[in-house]
Amino acid sequence: MAIENGENITGLKLWLDGGNVLAGGWGDLCVALRDPAGGNDPEGWEFWIDFYEGQLSGHPLPLELIKDIAISGDIDWKSDNASINAAIGAIYRRFKKAASHTVERSQTC
């Protein structure tokens, strides 16, 4: 196994030979999260969608971004989802302005 050999596994696809067993449900959820008319607040969901899509494709978001979010003093992790997503969304937008990282998205999202 790659990890046992000390190889960098961050570029490996999340789902290997068996395919993504959650693909159908993910497509529906992704559409709902991107549809503000559906009653969902899209603020901040772009990060989570891109995070998952990056993992699926084997092209994850940069570790620098993940670290910035994890250690940010701007996020109250005990707050409600909307507040957390808004704070993460603000960090993600700043990161995207400063960098040119794109996520390879699946056809369902």
Protein backbone atom coordinates (compact mmCIF):
# COMPACT_ATOMS: atom_id res chain seq x y z
CA MET A 1 0.00 0.00 0.00
CA ALA A 2 1.13 3.52 -0.80
CA ILE A 3 0.83 4.83 2.74
CA GLU A 4 2.84 1.93 4.14
CA ASN A 5 5.60 2.72 1.65
CA GLY A 6 5.70 6.34 2.80
CA GLU A 7 4.28 7.67 -0.48
CA ASN A 8 2.31 10.91 -0.70
CA ILE A 9 -1.32 9.84 -0.92
CA THR A 10 -2.95 13.28 -1.16
CA GLY A 11 -3.25 12.95 -4.94
CA LEU A 12 -5.06 9.62 -4.86
CA LYS A 13 -8.73 9.52 -5.77
CA LEU A 14 -11.12 9.09 -2.87
CA TRP A 15 -12.98 6.19 -4.51
CA LEU A 16 -10.87 3.63 -6.32
CA ASP A 17 -11.93 0.51 -8.22
CA GLY A 18 -15.42 0.20 -6.74
CA GLY A 19 -16.48 3.67 -7.80
CA ASN A 20 -18.29 6.24 -5.71
CA VAL A 21 -21.04 4.45 -3.83
CA LEU A 22 -22.51 7.81 -2.81
CA ALA A 23 -22.63 9.34 -6.32
CA GLY A 24 -26.42 9.43 -6.71
CA GLY A 25 -27.04 11.01 -3.34
CA TRP A 26 -24.16 13.42 -3.78
CA GLY A 27 -25.53 14.76 -7.06
CA ASP A 28 -28.90 15.51 -5.45
CA LEU A 29 -27.30 17.14 -2.41
CA CYS A 30 -24.96 19.22 -4.56
CA VAL A 31 -27.86 20.57 -6.61
CA ALA A 32 -29.80 21.42 -3.43
CA LEU A 33 -26.83 23.22 -1.89
CA ARG A 34 -26.30 25.29 -4.99
CA ASP A 35 -30.01 26.18 -5.26
CA PRO A 36 -30.89 29.06 -2.95
CA ALA A 37 -34.51 28.85 -4.12
CA GLY A 38 -34.62 25.37 -2.62
CA GLY A 39 -34.43 26.84 0.86
CA ASN A 40 -30.72 26.25 1.37
CA ASP A 41 -28.37 29.10 2.14
CA PRO A 42 -25.52 28.74 -0.35
CA GLU A 43 -23.13 30.88 1.70
CA GLY A 44 -20.00 28.85 2.29
CA TRP A 45 -21.21 25.64 0.67
CA GLU A 46 -18.94 26.20 -2.33
CA PHE A 47 -15.94 25.30 -0.14
CA TRP A 48 -17.48 22.04 1.05
CA ILE A 49 -18.55 21.10 -2.47
CA ASP A 50 -15.09 21.87 -3.86
CA PHE A 51 -13.45 20.05 -0.94
CA TYR A 52 -15.40 16.86 -1.63
CA GLU A 53 -15.12 17.15 -5.41
CA GLY A 54 -11.37 17.65 -5.09
CA GLN A 55 -11.10 14.51 -2.98
CA LEU A 56 -13.21 12.58 -5.46
CA SER A 57 -11.10 13.61 -8.43
CA GLY A 58 -7.73 13.11 -6.76
CA HIS A 59 -7.03 16.86 -6.96
CA PRO A 60 -7.70 18.04 -3.41
CA LEU A 61 -7.78 21.64 -2.31
CA PRO A 62 -4.35 22.91 -1.26
CA LEU A 63 -3.26 21.92 2.22
CA GLU A 64 -2.39 25.58 2.89
CA LEU A 65 -6.08 26.49 2.52
CA ILE A 66 -7.23 23.62 4.75
CA LYS A 67 -4.71 24.68 7.39
CA ASP A 68 -5.79 28.35 7.17
CA ILE A 69 -9.39 27.31 7.77
CA ALA A 70 -8.53 24.90 10.58
CA ILE A 71 -6.52 27.44 12.58
CA SER A 72 -8.51 30.55 11.73
CA GLY A 73 -9.53 32.70 14.66
CA ASP A 74 -12.43 33.97 12.53
CA ILE A 75 -14.37 30.71 12.83
CA ASP A 76 -16.39 29.92 15.94
CA TRP A 77 -16.60 26.15 15.62
CA LYS A 78 -19.27 26.03 18.33
CA SER A 79 -21.51 28.34 16.31
CA ASP A 80 -24.35 27.33 13.99
CA ASN A 81 -23.72 25.90 10.52
CA ALA A 82 -24.62 29.12 8.71
CA SER A 83 -22.08 31.15 10.70
CA ILE A 84 -19.37 28.55 10.28
CA ASN A 85 -20.04 28.28 6.54
CA ALA A 86 -20.03 32.06 6.16
CA ALA A 87 -16.64 32.34 7.88
CA ILE A 88 -15.19 29.47 5.84
CA GLY A 89 -16.67 30.96 2.66
CA ALA A 90 -14.94 34.29 3.35
CA ILE A 91 -11.56 32.55 3.82
CA TYR A 92 -12.11 30.47 0.68
CA ARG A 93 -12.98 33.53 -1.43
CA ARG A 94 -9.83 35.33 -0.21
CA PHE A 95 -7.76 32.24 -1.01
CA LYS A 96 -9.24 31.93 -4.50
CA LYS A 97 -8.46 35.58 -5.20
CA ALA A 98 -4.83 35.06 -4.19
CA ALA A 99 -4.36 31.69 -5.91
CA SER A 100 -5.49 30.08 -9.09
CA HIS A 101 -6.51 26.63 -7.87
CA THR A 102 -9.39 25.01 -9.67
CA VAL A 103 -11.24 21.87 -8.70
CA GLU A 104 -12.01 19.13 -11.16
CA ARG A 105 -15.73 18.60 -10.64
CA SER A 106 -17.70 15.46 -11.29
CA GLN A 107 -20.52 15.48 -13.80
CA THR A 108 -23.13 15.30 -11.04
CA CYS A 109 -22.24 18.61 -9.42
